[in-house]
Amino acid sequence: MAIQTIFAHVSCSDLEASIGWYEKLFGKAPQRRPMPGLAEWQFSDSAEVQLFEDKDKAGTSTLTLGVLPLAPERLRLVDTGLEPGPIEKADHFWIMRMRDPDGNLIVFASAERD
């Protein structure tokens, strides 16, 4: 198997309300709305996030985002009105966690704190 692209999938209860929150998270609007109930953000040729309206599965997703460095990203999120948790030290990297309006877990991971 030769995987070319991976789409991370997050389920939400209300797509329109969640798009606004994710626009703050990602710093941009979705690039595509390919079908009803779906919005997509593209970050590179092989990294994309799909936000899908599914009331039954909303709040059960985990999305891990790699960012460099982590501290400026935390400040950017706070400035947009989002509420990221503290930066935490893990074994070989730093993480920061937060939850979207449905309770989905968003984890930021970074090899650099500052």
PDB file of N, CA and C in Angstrom:
ATOM      1  N   MET A   1       0.842  -1.175   0.000  1.00  0.00           N
ATOM      2  CA  MET A   1       0.000   0.000   0.000  1.00  0.00           C
ATOM      3  C   MET A   1       0.888   1.238   0.000  1.00  0.00           C
ATOM      4  N   ALA A   2       0.585   2.174  -0.871  1.00  0.00           N
ATOM      5  CA  ALA A   2       1.320   3.442  -0.949  1.00  0.00           C
ATOM      6  C   ALA A   2       0.376   4.582  -0.598  1.00  0.00           C
ATOM      7  N   ILE A   3       0.310   4.919   0.692  1.00  0.00           N
ATOM      8  CA  ILE A   3      -0.581   5.987   1.153  1.00  0.00           C
ATOM      9  C   ILE A   3      -0.030   7.333   0.708  1.00  0.00           C
ATOM     10  N   GLN A   4      -0.870   8.132   0.098  1.00  0.00           N
ATOM     11  CA  GLN A   4      -0.474   9.449  -0.389  1.00  0.00           C
ATOM     12  C   GLN A   4      -0.936  10.586   0.514  1.00  0.00           C
ATOM     13  N   THR A   5      -2.114  10.441   1.102  1.00  0.00           N
ATOM     14  CA  THR A   5      -2.699  11.491   1.927  1.00  0.00           C
ATOM     15  C   THR A   5      -3.444  10.855   3.090  1.00  0.00           C
ATOM     16  N   ILE A   6      -3.395  11.500   4.235  1.00  0.00           N
ATOM     17  CA  ILE A   6      -4.183  11.059   5.382  1.00  0.00           C
ATOM     18  C   ILE A   6      -5.124  12.199   5.760  1.00  0.00           C
ATOM     19  N   PHE A   7      -6.397  11.882   5.892  1.00  0.00           N
ATOM     20  CA  PHE A   7      -7.403  12.831   6.332  1.00  0.00           C
ATOM     21  C   PHE A   7      -7.722  12.528   7.798  1.00  0.00           C
ATOM     22  N   ALA A   8      -7.425  13.451   8.697  1.00  0.00           N
ATOM     23  CA  ALA A   8      -7.861  13.306  10.076  1.00  0.00           C
ATOM     24  C   ALA A   8      -9.342  13.676  10.106  1.00  0.00           C
ATOM     25  N   HIS A   9     -10.130  12.931  10.857  1.00  0.00           N
ATOM     26  CA  HIS A   9     -11.580  13.100  10.875  1.00  0.00           C
ATOM     27  C   HIS A   9     -12.023  13.481  12.283  1.00  0.00           C
ATOM     28  N   VAL A  10     -12.841  14.534  12.391  1.00  0.00           N
ATOM     29  CA  VAL A  10     -13.415  14.964  13.662  1.00  0.00           C
ATOM     30  C   VAL A  10     -14.926  15.049  13.485  1.00  0.00           C
ATOM     31  N   SER A  11     -15.668  14.414  14.385  1.00  0.00           N
ATOM     32  CA  SER A  11     -17.132  14.458  14.344  1.00  0.00           C
ATOM     33  C   SER A  11     -17.638  15.587  15.224  1.00  0.00           C
ATOM     34  N   CYS A  12     -18.663  16.296  14.743  1.00  0.00           N
ATOM     35  CA  CYS A  12     -19.247  17.398  15.502  1.00  0.00           C
ATOM     36  C   CYS A  12     -20.769  17.285  15.474  1.00  0.00           C
ATOM     37  N   SER A  13     -21.426  17.993  16.392  1.00  0.00           N
ATOM     38  CA  SER A  13     -22.889  17.936  16.457  1.00  0.00           C
ATOM     39  C   SER A  13     -23.558  18.982  15.574  1.00  0.00           C
ATOM     40  N   ASP A  14     -22.866  20.090  15.310  1.00  0.00           N
ATOM     41  CA  ASP A  14     -23.424  21.177  14.514  1.00  0.00           C
ATOM     42  C   ASP A  14     -22.307  21.734  13.645  1.00  0.00           C
ATOM     43  N   LEU A  15     -22.294  21.378  12.370  1.00  0.00           N
ATOM     44  CA  LEU A  15     -21.189  21.746  11.487  1.00  0.00           C
ATOM     45  C   LEU A  15     -20.993  23.258  11.414  1.00  0.00           C
ATOM     46  N   GLU A  16     -22.054  24.011  11.230  1.00  0.00           N
ATOM     47  CA  GLU A  16     -21.903  25.458  11.062  1.00  0.00           C
ATOM     48  C   GLU A  16     -21.309  26.107  12.304  1.00  0.00           C
ATOM     49  N   ALA A  17     -21.757  25.709  13.483  1.00  0.00           N
ATOM     50  CA  ALA A  17     -21.201  26.263  14.726  1.00  0.00           C
ATOM     51  C   ALA A  17     -19.747  25.835  14.899  1.00  0.00           C
ATOM     52  N   SER A  18     -19.442  24.599  14.573  1.00  0.00           N
ATOM     53  CA  SER A  18     -18.082  24.091  14.748  1.00  0.00           C
ATOM     54  C   SER A  18     -17.105  24.710  13.758  1.00  0.00           C
ATOM     55  N   ILE A  19     -17.556  25.033  12.561  1.00  0.00           N
ATOM     56  CA  ILE A  19     -16.662  25.653  11.576  1.00  0.00           C
ATOM     57  C   ILE A  19     -16.065  26.936  12.147  1.00  0.00           C
ATOM     58  N   GLY A  20     -16.870  27.755  12.800  1.00  0.00           N
ATOM     59  CA  GLY A  20     -16.355  28.994  13.383  1.00  0.00           C
ATOM     60  C   GLY A  20     -15.257  28.740  14.406  1.00  0.00           C
ATOM     61  N   TRP A  21     -15.424  27.724  15.239  1.00  0.00           N
ATOM     62  CA  TRP A  21     -14.421  27.394  16.243  1.00  0.00           C
ATOM     63  C   TRP A  21     -13.140  26.893  15.568  1.00  0.00           C
ATOM     64  N   TYR A  22     -13.290  26.020  14.591  1.00  0.00           N
ATOM     65  CA  TYR A  22     -12.122  25.471  13.901  1.00  0.00           C
ATOM     66  C   TYR A  22     -11.421  26.516  13.025  1.00  0.00           C
ATOM     67  N   GLU A  23     -12.146  27.511  12.547  1.00  0.00           N
ATOM     68  CA  GLU A  23     -11.501  28.611  11.831  1.00  0.00           C
ATOM     69  C   GLU A  23     -10.541  29.360  12.762  1.00  0.00           C
ATOM     70  N   LYS A  24     -10.942  29.539  14.016  1.00  0.00           N
ATOM     71  CA  LYS A  24     -10.034  30.151  14.992  1.00  0.00           C
ATOM     72  C   LYS A  24      -8.854  29.227  15.275  1.00  0.00           C
ATOM     73  N   LEU A  25      -9.135  27.946  15.451  1.00  0.00           N
ATOM     74  CA  LEU A  25      -8.076  26.981  15.741  1.00  0.00           C
ATOM     75  C   LEU A  25      -7.035  26.957  14.630  1.00  0.00           C
ATOM     76  N   PHE A  26      -7.486  26.849  13.384  1.00  0.00           N
ATOM     77  CA  PHE A  26      -6.575  26.708  12.254  1.00  0.00           C
ATOM     78  C   PHE A  26      -6.120  28.041  11.659  1.00  0.00           C
ATOM     79  N   GLY A  27      -6.782  29.130  12.037  1.00  0.00           N
ATOM     80  CA  GLY A  27      -6.410  30.437  11.504  1.00  0.00           C
ATOM     81  C   GLY A  27      -6.846  30.655  10.069  1.00  0.00           C
ATOM     82  N   LYS A  28      -7.804  29.880   9.606  1.00  0.00           N
ATOM     83  CA  LYS A  28      -8.305  30.040   8.237  1.00  0.00           C
ATOM     84  C   LYS A  28      -9.623  29.294   8.075  1.00  0.00           C
ATOM     85  N   ALA A  29     -10.355  29.675   7.038  1.00  0.00           N
ATOM     86  CA  ALA A  29     -11.629  29.026   6.711  1.00  0.00           C
ATOM     87  C   ALA A  29     -11.353  27.680   6.030  1.00  0.00           C
ATOM     88  N   PRO A  30     -12.342  26.796   6.018  1.00  0.00           N
ATOM     89  CA  PRO A  30     -12.136  25.539   5.299  1.00  0.00           C
ATOM     90  C   PRO A  30     -11.955  25.796   3.803  1.00  0.00           C
ATOM     91  N   GLN A  31     -11.110  24.998   3.179  1.00  0.00           N
ATOM     92  CA  GLN A  31     -10.886  25.139   1.738  1.00  0.00           C
ATOM     93  C   GLN A  31     -12.001  24.513   0.916  1.00  0.00           C
ATOM     94  N   ARG A  32     -12.651  23.495   1.470  1.00  0.00           N
ATOM     95  CA  ARG A  32     -13.676  22.783   0.689  1.00  0.00           C
ATOM     96  C   ARG A  32     -14.862  22.413   1.569  1.00  0.00           C
ATOM     97  N   ARG A  33     -16.022  22.364   0.918  1.00  0.00           N
ATOM     98  CA  ARG A  33     -17.250  21.824   1.501  1.00  0.00           C
ATOM     99  C   ARG A  33     -17.758  20.827   0.465  1.00  0.00           C
ATOM    100  N   PRO A  34     -17.116  19.638   0.346  1.00  0.00           N
ATOM    101  CA  PRO A  34     -17.367  18.734  -0.771  1.00  0.00           C
ATOM    102  C   PRO A  34     -18.733  18.049  -0.778  1.00  0.00           C
ATOM    103  N   MET A  35     -19.410  18.040   0.358  1.00  0.00           N
ATOM    104  CA  MET A  35     -20.739  17.428   0.432  1.00  0.00           C
ATOM    105  C   MET A  35     -21.441  17.960   1.667  1.00  0.00           C
ATOM    106  N   PRO A  36     -22.752  17.805   1.742  1.00  0.00           N
ATOM    107  CA  PRO A  36     -23.467  18.280   2.934  1.00  0.00           C
ATOM    108  C   PRO A  36     -22.901  17.646   4.200  1.00  0.00           C
ATOM    109  N   GLY A  37     -22.717  18.465   5.226  1.00  0.00           N
ATOM    110  CA  GLY A  37     -22.249  17.960   6.509  1.00  0.00           C
ATOM    111  C   GLY A  37     -20.749  17.792   6.624  1.00  0.00           C
ATOM    112  N   LEU A  38     -19.974  18.252   5.640  1.00  0.00           N
ATOM    113  CA  LEU A  38     -18.522  18.048   5.651  1.00  0.00           C
ATOM    114  C   LEU A  38     -17.787  19.327   5.262  1.00  0.00           C
ATOM    115  N   ALA A  39     -16.754  19.659   6.038  1.00  0.00           N
ATOM    116  CA  ALA A  39     -15.847  20.766   5.714  1.00  0.00           C
ATOM    117  C   ALA A  39     -14.423  20.242   5.824  1.00  0.00           C
ATOM    118  N   GLU A  40     -13.528  20.739   4.942  1.00  0.00           N
ATOM    119  CA  GLU A  40     -12.153  20.245   4.921  1.00  0.00           C
ATOM    120  C   GLU A  40     -11.148  21.391   4.935  1.00  0.00           C
ATOM    121  N   TRP A  41     -10.097  21.218   5.731  1.00  0.00           N
ATOM    122  CA  TRP A  41      -8.956  22.120   5.771  1.00  0.00           C
ATOM    123  C   TRP A  41      -7.746  21.365   5.257  1.00  0.00           C
ATOM    124  N   GLN A  42      -6.991  21.994   4.387  1.00  0.00           N
ATOM    125  CA  GLN A  42      -5.777  21.380   3.850  1.00  0.00           C
ATOM    126  C   GLN A  42      -4.572  22.182   4.323  1.00  0.00           C
ATOM    127  N   PHE A  43      -3.554  21.483   4.825  1.00  0.00           N
ATOM    128  CA  PHE A  43      -2.351  22.122   5.363  1.00  0.00           C
ATOM    129  C   PHE A  43      -1.110  21.834   4.535  1.00  0.00           C
ATOM    130  N   SER A  44      -1.129  20.738   3.812  1.00  0.00           N
ATOM    131  CA  SER A  44      -0.036  20.385   2.909  1.00  0.00           C
ATOM    132  C   SER A  44      -0.615  19.388   1.906  1.00  0.00           C
ATOM    133  N   ASP A  45       0.233  18.904   1.006  1.00  0.00           N
ATOM    134  CA  ASP A  45      -0.244  17.926   0.025  1.00  0.00           C
ATOM    135  C   ASP A  45      -0.713  16.631   0.671  1.00  0.00           C
ATOM    136  N   SER A  46      -0.279  16.375   1.916  1.00  0.00           N
ATOM    137  CA  SER A  46      -0.626  15.104   2.542  1.00  0.00           C
ATOM    138  C   SER A  46      -1.274  15.237   3.919  1.00  0.00           C
ATOM    139  N   ALA A  47      -1.590  16.455   4.351  1.00  0.00           N
ATOM    140  CA  ALA A  47      -2.188  16.663   5.674  1.00  0.00           C
ATOM    141  C   ALA A  47      -3.479  17.461   5.552  1.00  0.00           C
ATOM    142  N   GLU A  48      -4.585  16.805   5.897  1.00  0.00           N
ATOM    143  CA  GLU A  48      -5.897  17.447   5.834  1.00  0.00           C
ATOM    144  C   GLU A  48      -6.742  17.036   7.030  1.00  0.00           C
ATOM    145  N   VAL A  49      -7.666  17.907   7.399  1.00  0.00           N
ATOM    146  CA  VAL A  49      -8.615  17.628   8.475  1.00  0.00           C
ATOM    147  C   VAL A  49     -10.024  17.747   7.916  1.00  0.00           C
ATOM    148  N   GLN A  50     -10.831  16.749   8.223  1.00  0.00           N
ATOM    149  CA  GLN A  50     -12.238  16.758   7.852  1.00  0.00           C
ATOM    150  C   GLN A  50     -13.070  16.960   9.112  1.00  0.00           C
ATOM    151  N   LEU A  51     -13.997  17.901   9.059  1.00  0.00           N
ATOM    152  CA  LEU A  51     -14.960  18.126  10.129  1.00  0.00           C
ATOM    153  C   LEU A  51     -16.303  17.654   9.602  1.00  0.00           C
ATOM    154  N   PHE A  52     -16.884  16.653  10.270  1.00  0.00           N
ATOM    155  CA  PHE A  52     -18.091  16.003   9.772  1.00  0.00           C
ATOM    156  C   PHE A  52     -19.199  16.055  10.813  1.00  0.00           C
ATOM    157  N   GLU A  53     -20.375  16.473  10.387  1.00  0.00           N
ATOM    158  CA  GLU A  53     -21.516  16.532  11.299  1.00  0.00           C
ATOM    159  C   GLU A  53     -22.079  15.134  11.518  1.00  0.00           C
ATOM    160  N   ASP A  54     -21.936  14.650  12.749  1.00  0.00           N
ATOM    161  CA  ASP A  54     -22.440  13.334  13.152  1.00  0.00           C
ATOM    162  C   ASP A  54     -22.754  13.412  14.642  1.00  0.00           C
ATOM    163  N   LYS A  55     -23.996  13.723  14.959  1.00  0.00           N
ATOM    164  CA  LYS A  55     -24.395  13.951  16.343  1.00  0.00           C
ATOM    165  C   LYS A  55     -24.107  12.759  17.252  1.00  0.00           C
ATOM    166  N   ASP A  56     -24.206  11.541  16.719  1.00  0.00           N
ATOM    167  CA  ASP A  56     -23.987  10.341  17.530  1.00  0.00           C
ATOM    168  C   ASP A  56     -22.526  10.157  17.925  1.00  0.00           C
ATOM    169  N   LYS A  57     -21.601  10.630  17.106  1.00  0.00           N
ATOM    170  CA  LYS A  57     -20.172  10.436  17.386  1.00  0.00           C
ATOM    171  C   LYS A  57     -19.473  11.706  17.857  1.00  0.00           C
ATOM    172  N   ALA A  58     -20.186  12.821  17.882  1.00  0.00           N
ATOM    173  CA  ALA A  58     -19.588  14.092  18.316  1.00  0.00           C
ATOM    174  C   ALA A  58     -19.021  13.949  19.722  1.00  0.00           C
ATOM    175  N   GLY A  59     -17.825  14.482  19.910  1.00  0.00           N
ATOM    176  CA  GLY A  59     -17.191  14.446  21.225  1.00  0.00           C
ATOM    177  C   GLY A  59     -16.320  13.227  21.462  1.00  0.00           C
ATOM    178  N   THR A  60     -16.217  12.323  20.494  1.00  0.00           N
ATOM    179  CA  THR A  60     -15.428  11.105  20.676  1.00  0.00           C
ATOM    180  C   THR A  60     -14.112  11.116  19.891  1.00  0.00           C
ATOM    181  N   SER A  61     -13.838  12.192  19.170  1.00  0.00           N
ATOM    182  CA  SER A  61     -12.639  12.253  18.330  1.00  0.00           C
ATOM    183  C   SER A  61     -11.448  12.818  19.096  1.00  0.00           C
ATOM    184  N   THR A  62     -10.253  12.447  18.650  1.00  0.00           N
ATOM    185  CA  THR A  62      -9.004  13.051  19.110  1.00  0.00           C
ATOM    186  C   THR A  62      -8.227  13.474  17.879  1.00  0.00           C
ATOM    187  N   LEU A  63      -7.756  14.706  17.886  1.00  0.00           N
ATOM    188  CA  LEU A  63      -6.972  15.248  16.788  1.00  0.00           C
ATOM    189  C   LEU A  63      -5.637  15.712  17.356  1.00  0.00           C
ATOM    190  N   THR A  64      -4.533  15.171  16.860  1.00  0.00           N
ATOM    191  CA  THR A  64      -3.208  15.581  17.303  1.00  0.00           C
ATOM    192  C   THR A  64      -2.550  16.389  16.197  1.00  0.00           C
ATOM    193  N   LEU A  65      -2.073  17.574  16.565  1.00  0.00           N
ATOM    194  CA  LEU A  65      -1.464  18.491  15.609  1.00  0.00           C
ATOM    195  C   LEU A  65      -0.010  18.746  16.011  1.00  0.00           C
ATOM    196  N   GLY A  66       0.908  18.557  15.091  1.00  0.00           N
ATOM    197  CA  GLY A  66       2.302  18.865  15.339  1.00  0.00           C
ATOM    198  C   GLY A  66       2.586  20.299  14.970  1.00  0.00           C
ATOM    199  N   VAL A  67       3.106  21.077  15.913  1.00  0.00           N
ATOM    200  CA  VAL A  67       3.424  22.487  15.674  1.00  0.00           C
ATOM    201  C   VAL A  67       4.809  22.802  16.224  1.00  0.00           C
ATOM    202  N   LEU A  68       5.474  23.781  15.627  1.00  0.00           N
ATOM    203  CA  LEU A  68       6.785  24.244  16.098  1.00  0.00           C
ATOM    204  C   LEU A  68       6.791  25.756  16.117  1.00  0.00           C
ATOM    205  N   PRO A  69       7.213  26.389  17.151  1.00  0.00           N
ATOM    206  CA  PRO A  69       7.252  25.917  18.530  1.00  0.00           C
ATOM    207  C   PRO A  69       5.870  26.044  19.161  1.00  0.00           C
ATOM    208  N   LEU A  70       5.727  25.544  20.379  1.00  0.00           N
ATOM    209  CA  LEU A  70       4.406  25.449  21.006  1.00  0.00           C
ATOM    210  C   LEU A  70       3.965  26.738  21.724  1.00  0.00           C
ATOM    211  N   ALA A  71       4.843  27.406  22.426  1.00  0.00           N
ATOM    212  CA  ALA A  71       4.440  28.585  23.220  1.00  0.00           C
ATOM    213  C   ALA A  71       3.801  29.693  22.371  1.00  0.00           C
ATOM    214  N   PRO A  72       4.371  30.065  21.218  1.00  0.00           N
ATOM    215  CA  PRO A  72       3.706  31.093  20.400  1.00  0.00           C
ATOM    216  C   PRO A  72       2.339  30.641  19.886  1.00  0.00           C
ATOM    217  N   GLU A  73       2.187  29.359  19.623  1.00  0.00           N
ATOM    218  CA  GLU A  73       0.888  28.844  19.175  1.00  0.00           C
ATOM    219  C   GLU A  73      -0.143  28.979  20.283  1.00  0.00           C
ATOM    220  N   ARG A  74       0.270  28.719  21.522  1.00  0.00           N
ATOM    221  CA  ARG A  74      -0.648  28.878  22.654  1.00  0.00           C
ATOM    222  C   ARG A  74      -1.110  30.331  22.755  1.00  0.00           C
ATOM    223  N   LEU A  75      -0.189  31.270  22.625  1.00  0.00           N
ATOM    224  CA  LEU A  75      -0.553  32.695  22.675  1.00  0.00           C
ATOM    225  C   LEU A  75      -1.515  33.067  21.553  1.00  0.00           C
ATOM    226  N   ARG A  76      -1.286  32.541  20.352  1.00  0.00           N
ATOM    227  CA  ARG A  76      -2.179  32.826  19.221  1.00  0.00           C
ATOM    228  C   ARG A  76      -3.589  32.334  19.524  1.00  0.00           C
ATOM    229  N   LEU A  77      -3.694  31.137  20.077  1.00  0.00           N
ATOM    230  CA  LEU A  77      -5.013  30.577  20.392  1.00  0.00           C
ATOM    231  C   LEU A  77      -5.726  31.402  21.453  1.00  0.00           C
ATOM    232  N   VAL A  78      -5.021  31.799  22.485  1.00  0.00           N
ATOM    233  CA  VAL A  78      -5.612  32.646  23.530  1.00  0.00           C
ATOM    234  C   VAL A  78      -6.092  33.961  22.924  1.00  0.00           C
ATOM    235  N   ASP A  79      -5.302  34.551  22.034  1.00  0.00           N
ATOM    236  CA  ASP A  79      -5.681  35.812  21.389  1.00  0.00           C
ATOM    237  C   ASP A  79      -6.946  35.684  20.541  1.00  0.00           C
ATOM    238  N   THR A  80      -7.247  34.488  20.031  1.00  0.00           N
ATOM    239  CA  THR A  80      -8.463  34.286  19.248  1.00  0.00           C
ATOM    240  C   THR A  80      -9.683  34.022  20.127  1.00  0.00           C
ATOM    241  N   GLY A  81      -9.462  33.894  21.451  1.00  0.00           N
ATOM    242  CA  GLY A  81     -10.571  33.625  22.359  1.00  0.00           C
ATOM    243  C   GLY A  81     -10.740  32.162  22.706  1.00  0.00           C
ATOM    244  N   LEU A  82      -9.863  31.302  22.213  1.00  0.00           N
ATOM    245  CA  LEU A  82      -9.925  29.881  22.572  1.00  0.00           C
ATOM    246  C   LEU A  82      -9.213  29.672  23.905  1.00  0.00           C
ATOM    247  N   GLU A  83      -9.415  28.511  24.517  1.00  0.00           N
ATOM    248  CA  GLU A  83      -8.890  28.260  25.853  1.00  0.00           C
ATOM    249  C   GLU A  83      -8.008  27.009  25.886  1.00  0.00           C
ATOM    250  N   PRO A  84      -6.780  27.116  25.380  1.00  0.00           N
ATOM    251  CA  PRO A  84      -5.891  25.953  25.452  1.00  0.00           C
ATOM    252  C   PRO A  84      -5.438  25.721  26.886  1.00  0.00           C
ATOM    253  N   GLY A  85      -5.130  24.471  27.192  1.00  0.00           N
ATOM    254  CA  GLY A  85      -4.597  24.146  28.500  1.00  0.00           C
ATOM    255  C   GLY A  85      -3.143  24.559  28.601  1.00  0.00           C
ATOM    256  N   PRO A  86      -2.509  24.250  29.733  1.00  0.00           N
ATOM    257  CA  PRO A  86      -1.106  24.604  29.911  1.00  0.00           C
ATOM    258  C   PRO A  86      -0.196  23.747  29.029  1.00  0.00           C
ATOM    259  N   ILE A  87       1.003  24.234  28.799  1.00  0.00           N
ATOM    260  CA  ILE A  87       2.013  23.440  28.104  1.00  0.00           C
ATOM    261  C   ILE A  87       2.587  22.450  29.107  1.00  0.00           C
ATOM    262  N   GLU A  88       2.590  21.185  28.723  1.00  0.00           N
ATOM    263  CA  GLU A  88       3.044  20.118  29.609  1.00  0.00           C
ATOM    264  C   GLU A  88       4.270  19.432  29.018  1.00  0.00           C
ATOM    265  N   LYS A  89       5.195  19.042  29.870  1.00  0.00           N
ATOM    266  CA  LYS A  89       6.391  18.321  29.440  1.00  0.00           C
ATOM    267  C   LYS A  89       6.072  16.833  29.389  1.00  0.00           C
ATOM    268  N   ALA A  90       6.363  16.208  28.267  1.00  0.00           N
ATOM    269  CA  ALA A  90       6.261  14.756  28.126  1.00  0.00           C
ATOM    270  C   ALA A  90       7.694  14.213  28.076  1.00  0.00           C
ATOM    271  N   ASP A  91       7.869  12.935  27.807  1.00  0.00           N
ATOM    272  CA  ASP A  91       9.210  12.343  27.845  1.00  0.00           C
ATOM    273  C   ASP A  91      10.206  13.026  26.920  1.00  0.00           C
ATOM    274  N   HIS A  92       9.840  13.236  25.659  1.00  0.00           N
ATOM    275  CA  HIS A  92      10.782  13.777  24.687  1.00  0.00           C
ATOM    276  C   HIS A  92      10.222  14.964  23.908  1.00  0.00           C
ATOM    277  N   PHE A  93       9.112  15.520  24.371  1.00  0.00           N
ATOM    278  CA  PHE A  93       8.479  16.614  23.653  1.00  0.00           C
ATOM    279  C   PHE A  93       7.539  17.341  24.598  1.00  0.00           C
ATOM    280  N   TRP A  94       6.861  18.346  24.082  1.00  0.00           N
ATOM    281  CA  TRP A  94       5.904  19.147  24.835  1.00  0.00           C
ATOM    282  C   TRP A  94       4.516  18.927  24.250  1.00  0.00           C
ATOM    283  N   ILE A  95       3.480  18.984  25.096  1.00  0.00           N
ATOM    284  CA  ILE A  95       2.104  18.887  24.606  1.00  0.00           C
ATOM    285  C   ILE A  95       1.248  19.973  25.245  1.00  0.00           C
ATOM    286  N   MET A  96       0.145  20.238  24.595  1.00  0.00           N
ATOM    287  CA  MET A  96      -0.872  21.157  25.106  1.00  0.00           C
ATOM    288  C   MET A  96      -2.210  20.579  24.660  1.00  0.00           C
ATOM    289  N   ARG A  97      -3.177  20.559  25.564  1.00  0.00           N
ATOM    290  CA  ARG A  97      -4.477  19.977  25.237  1.00  0.00           C
ATOM    291  C   ARG A  97      -5.590  21.011  25.363  1.00  0.00           C
ATOM    292  N   MET A  98      -6.624  20.782  24.571  1.00  0.00           N
ATOM    293  CA  MET A  98      -7.836  21.591  24.685  1.00  0.00           C
ATOM    294  C   MET A  98      -9.003  20.788  24.114  1.00  0.00           C
ATOM    295  N   ARG A  99     -10.203  21.242  24.359  1.00  0.00           N
ATOM    296  CA  ARG A  99     -11.400  20.568  23.857  1.00  0.00           C
ATOM    297  C   ARG A  99     -12.189  21.526  22.985  1.00  0.00           C
ATOM    298  N   ASP A 100     -12.784  20.968  21.923  1.00  0.00           N
ATOM    299  CA  ASP A 100     -13.658  21.787  21.071  1.00  0.00           C
ATOM    300  C   ASP A 100     -15.033  21.865  21.717  1.00  0.00           C
ATOM    301  N   PRO A 101     -15.989  22.593  21.138  1.00  0.00           N
ATOM    302  CA  PRO A 101     -17.315  22.752  21.761  1.00  0.00           C
ATOM    303  C   PRO A 101     -18.066  21.445  22.002  1.00  0.00           C
ATOM    304  N   ASP A 102     -17.752  20.378  21.260  1.00  0.00           N
ATOM    305  CA  ASP A 102     -18.400  19.086  21.472  1.00  0.00           C
ATOM    306  C   ASP A 102     -17.651  18.207  22.465  1.00  0.00           C
ATOM    307  N   GLY A 103     -16.460  18.633  22.876  1.00  0.00           N
ATOM    308  CA  GLY A 103     -15.652  17.825  23.788  1.00  0.00           C
ATOM    309  C   GLY A 103     -14.603  16.975  23.100  1.00  0.00           C
ATOM    310  N   ASN A 104     -14.467  17.101  21.769  1.00  0.00           N
ATOM    311  CA  ASN A 104     -13.385  16.399  21.085  1.00  0.00           C
ATOM    312  C   ASN A 104     -12.056  16.910  21.625  1.00  0.00           C
ATOM    313  N   LEU A 105     -11.091  15.997  21.788  1.00  0.00           N
ATOM    314  CA  LEU A 105      -9.789  16.362  22.324  1.00  0.00           C
ATOM    315  C   LEU A 105      -8.855  16.802  21.206  1.00  0.00           C
ATOM    316  N   ILE A 106      -8.269  17.989  21.372  1.00  0.00           N
ATOM    317  CA  ILE A 106      -7.261  18.503  20.447  1.00  0.00           C
ATOM    318  C   ILE A 106      -5.943  18.515  21.222  1.00  0.00           C
ATOM    319  N   VAL A 107      -4.944  17.818  20.691  1.00  0.00           N
ATOM    320  CA  VAL A 107      -3.628  17.751  21.333  1.00  0.00           C
ATOM    321  C   VAL A 107      -2.610  18.382  20.401  1.00  0.00           C
ATOM    322  N   PHE A 108      -1.853  19.316  20.916  1.00  0.00           N
ATOM    323  CA  PHE A 108      -0.734  19.905  20.175  1.00  0.00           C
ATOM    324  C   PHE A 108       0.530  19.246  20.693  1.00  0.00           C
ATOM    325  N   ALA A 109       1.387  18.799  19.788  1.00  0.00           N
ATOM    326  CA  ALA A 109       2.641  18.169  20.162  1.00  0.00           C
ATOM    327  C   ALA A 109       3.783  18.903  19.477  1.00  0.00           C
ATOM    328  N   SER A 110       4.883  19.089  20.221  1.00  0.00           N
ATOM    329  CA  SER A 110       5.997  19.854  19.672  1.00  0.00           C
ATOM    330  C   SER A 110       7.309  19.417  20.302  1.00  0.00           C
ATOM    331  N   ALA A 111       8.356  19.428  19.508  1.00  0.00           N
ATOM    332  CA  ALA A 111       9.706  19.181  20.021  1.00  0.00           C
ATOM    333  C   ALA A 111      10.279  20.452  20.619  1.00  0.00           C
ATOM    334  N   GLU A 112       9.631  21.594  20.375  1.00  0.00           N
ATOM    335  CA  GLU A 112      10.107  22.890  20.869  1.00  0.00           C
ATOM    336  C   GLU A 112       9.035  23.582  21.683  1.00  0.00           C
ATOM    337  N   ARG A 113       9.388  24.005  22.870  1.00  0.00           N
ATOM    338  CA  ARG A 113       8.443  24.735  23.715  1.00  0.00           C
ATOM    339  C   ARG A 113       8.355  26.201  23.293  1.00  0.00           C
ATOM    340  N   ASP A 114       9.498  26.867  23.187  1.00  0.00           N
ATOM    341  CA  ASP A 114       9.521  28.308  22.910  1.00  0.00           C
ATOM    342  C   ASP A 114      10.032  28.621  21.523  1.00  0.00           C
TER     343      ASP A 114
END
